[in-house]
N, C-alpha and C. Protein backbone atom coordinates (compact mmCIF):
# COMPACT_ATOMS: atom_id res chain seq x y z
N MET A 1 -28.91 -59.47 36.89
CA MET A 1 -30.14 -58.82 36.48
C MET A 1 -30.38 -58.97 34.99
N LYS A 2 -29.33 -58.97 34.19
CA LYS A 2 -29.50 -59.12 32.75
C LYS A 2 -30.10 -60.47 32.39
N LYS A 3 -29.77 -61.49 33.16
CA LYS A 3 -30.33 -62.82 32.87
C LYS A 3 -31.84 -62.80 33.03
N ILE A 4 -32.34 -62.12 34.04
CA ILE A 4 -33.79 -62.02 34.25
C ILE A 4 -34.43 -61.28 33.08
N GLN A 5 -33.82 -60.19 32.64
CA GLN A 5 -34.36 -59.44 31.51
C GLN A 5 -34.36 -60.30 30.25
N LYS A 6 -33.30 -61.04 30.03
CA LYS A 6 -33.22 -61.88 28.84
C LYS A 6 -34.28 -62.97 28.92
N ASP A 7 -34.45 -63.57 30.08
CA ASP A 7 -35.46 -64.60 30.22
C ASP A 7 -36.85 -64.05 29.95
N SER A 8 -37.15 -62.87 30.47
CA SER A 8 -38.45 -62.24 30.26
C SER A 8 -38.65 -61.93 28.78
N PHE A 9 -37.62 -61.40 28.15
CA PHE A 9 -37.68 -61.08 26.74
C PHE A 9 -37.90 -62.34 25.91
N GLU A 10 -37.13 -63.36 26.20
CA GLU A 10 -37.25 -64.62 25.46
C GLU A 10 -38.63 -65.25 25.65
N GLN A 11 -39.15 -65.18 26.87
CA GLN A 11 -40.48 -65.73 27.13
C GLN A 11 -41.54 -64.97 26.36
N GLY A 12 -41.44 -63.65 26.35
CA GLY A 12 -42.40 -62.84 25.60
C GLY A 12 -42.32 -63.11 24.11
N LEU A 13 -41.11 -63.22 23.60
CA LEU A 13 -40.92 -63.51 22.19
C LEU A 13 -41.46 -64.88 21.82
N ASP A 14 -41.18 -65.86 22.66
CA ASP A 14 -41.71 -67.21 22.42
C ASP A 14 -43.24 -67.21 22.40
N LEU A 15 -43.84 -66.50 23.35
CA LEU A 15 -45.29 -66.42 23.41
C LEU A 15 -45.86 -65.79 22.16
N LEU A 16 -45.24 -64.72 21.70
CA LEU A 16 -45.69 -64.05 20.49
C LEU A 16 -45.57 -64.97 19.28
N LEU A 17 -44.42 -65.60 19.12
CA LEU A 17 -44.18 -66.42 17.93
C LEU A 17 -45.02 -67.70 17.93
N GLU A 18 -45.31 -68.23 19.09
CA GLU A 18 -46.13 -69.44 19.16
C GLU A 18 -47.58 -69.16 18.80
N ASN A 19 -48.06 -67.96 19.08
CA ASN A 19 -49.47 -67.63 18.88
C ASN A 19 -49.74 -66.92 17.56
N GLU A 20 -48.71 -66.50 16.87
CA GLU A 20 -48.89 -65.77 15.62
C GLU A 20 -48.99 -66.74 14.46
N LYS A 21 -50.09 -66.68 13.74
CA LYS A 21 -50.30 -67.58 12.60
C LYS A 21 -49.78 -66.98 11.30
N ASP A 22 -49.91 -65.67 11.17
CA ASP A 22 -49.51 -64.98 9.94
C ASP A 22 -48.52 -63.88 10.30
N PHE A 23 -47.25 -64.14 10.09
CA PHE A 23 -46.22 -63.20 10.52
C PHE A 23 -46.23 -61.90 9.72
N SER A 24 -46.89 -61.87 8.57
CA SER A 24 -46.96 -60.63 7.81
C SER A 24 -47.74 -59.56 8.57
N THR A 25 -48.62 -59.97 9.49
CA THR A 25 -49.38 -59.00 10.27
C THR A 25 -48.49 -58.24 11.25
N LEU A 26 -47.34 -58.77 11.56
CA LEU A 26 -46.43 -58.07 12.45
C LEU A 26 -45.94 -56.76 11.86
N PHE A 27 -45.90 -56.67 10.54
CA PHE A 27 -45.35 -55.51 9.86
C PHE A 27 -46.38 -54.70 9.10
N ASN A 28 -47.67 -54.99 9.31
CA ASN A 28 -48.73 -54.19 8.69
C ASN A 28 -48.72 -52.78 9.23
N GLU A 29 -49.54 -51.92 8.63
CA GLU A 29 -49.60 -50.52 9.04
C GLU A 29 -49.91 -50.37 10.54
N ASP A 30 -50.79 -51.19 11.05
CA ASP A 30 -51.12 -51.15 12.48
C ASP A 30 -50.63 -52.40 13.20
N GLY A 31 -49.58 -52.99 12.70
CA GLY A 31 -49.06 -54.22 13.26
C GLY A 31 -48.26 -54.03 14.53
N LEU A 32 -47.86 -55.14 15.08
CA LEU A 32 -47.14 -55.15 16.35
C LEU A 32 -45.83 -54.35 16.28
N PHE A 33 -45.11 -54.45 15.19
CA PHE A 33 -43.83 -53.76 15.07
C PHE A 33 -44.00 -52.26 15.22
N LYS A 34 -45.02 -51.71 14.56
CA LYS A 34 -45.27 -50.27 14.64
C LYS A 34 -45.70 -49.87 16.05
N LYS A 35 -46.56 -50.67 16.67
CA LYS A 35 -47.03 -50.37 18.02
C LYS A 35 -45.89 -50.44 19.02
N LEU A 36 -45.05 -51.44 18.88
CA LEU A 36 -43.91 -51.59 19.78
C LEU A 36 -42.94 -50.43 19.62
N THR A 37 -42.65 -50.05 18.40
CA THR A 37 -41.76 -48.92 18.14
C THR A 37 -42.32 -47.65 18.75
N LYS A 38 -43.62 -47.42 18.59
CA LYS A 38 -44.27 -46.23 19.13
C LYS A 38 -44.13 -46.19 20.66
N ARG A 39 -44.36 -47.29 21.31
CA ARG A 39 -44.28 -47.32 22.77
C ARG A 39 -42.85 -47.12 23.27
N ILE A 40 -41.90 -47.69 22.56
CA ILE A 40 -40.49 -47.50 22.95
C ILE A 40 -40.10 -46.03 22.81
N VAL A 41 -40.48 -45.41 21.72
CA VAL A 41 -40.15 -43.99 21.51
C VAL A 41 -40.85 -43.13 22.56
N GLU A 42 -42.11 -43.42 22.86
CA GLU A 42 -42.83 -42.65 23.87
C GLU A 42 -42.16 -42.76 25.24
N ARG A 43 -41.76 -43.96 25.60
CA ARG A 43 -41.09 -44.14 26.90
C ARG A 43 -39.75 -43.41 26.93
N ALA A 44 -39.03 -43.47 25.84
CA ALA A 44 -37.74 -42.77 25.78
C ALA A 44 -37.94 -41.27 25.91
N LEU A 45 -38.94 -40.73 25.22
CA LEU A 45 -39.21 -39.29 25.30
C LEU A 45 -39.67 -38.90 26.71
N ASN A 46 -40.51 -39.70 27.31
CA ASN A 46 -40.96 -39.41 28.69
C ASN A 46 -39.79 -39.45 29.66
N ALA A 47 -38.91 -40.40 29.49
CA ALA A 47 -37.73 -40.48 30.35
C ALA A 47 -36.84 -39.26 30.15
N GLU A 48 -36.71 -38.81 28.92
CA GLU A 48 -35.91 -37.65 28.61
C GLU A 48 -36.49 -36.39 29.25
N LEU A 49 -37.82 -36.29 29.23
CA LEU A 49 -38.48 -35.12 29.81
C LEU A 49 -38.38 -35.09 31.33
N GLN A 50 -38.23 -36.25 31.95
CA GLN A 50 -38.14 -36.31 33.40
C GLN A 50 -36.78 -35.86 33.92
N TYR A 51 -35.78 -35.88 33.08
CA TYR A 51 -34.43 -35.51 33.53
C TYR A 51 -34.08 -34.18 33.04
């Protein structure tokens, strides 16, 4: 199962990096890094509340 997750992760990362022209936008105030962090924290908190 980990191989599938790694493949999905690698494919997503490749897609992101191939289409991104200016990598500085990844770390802007409303950039992908902030949005991704927010969603990960939200999912973790929701999972915590369910148990």
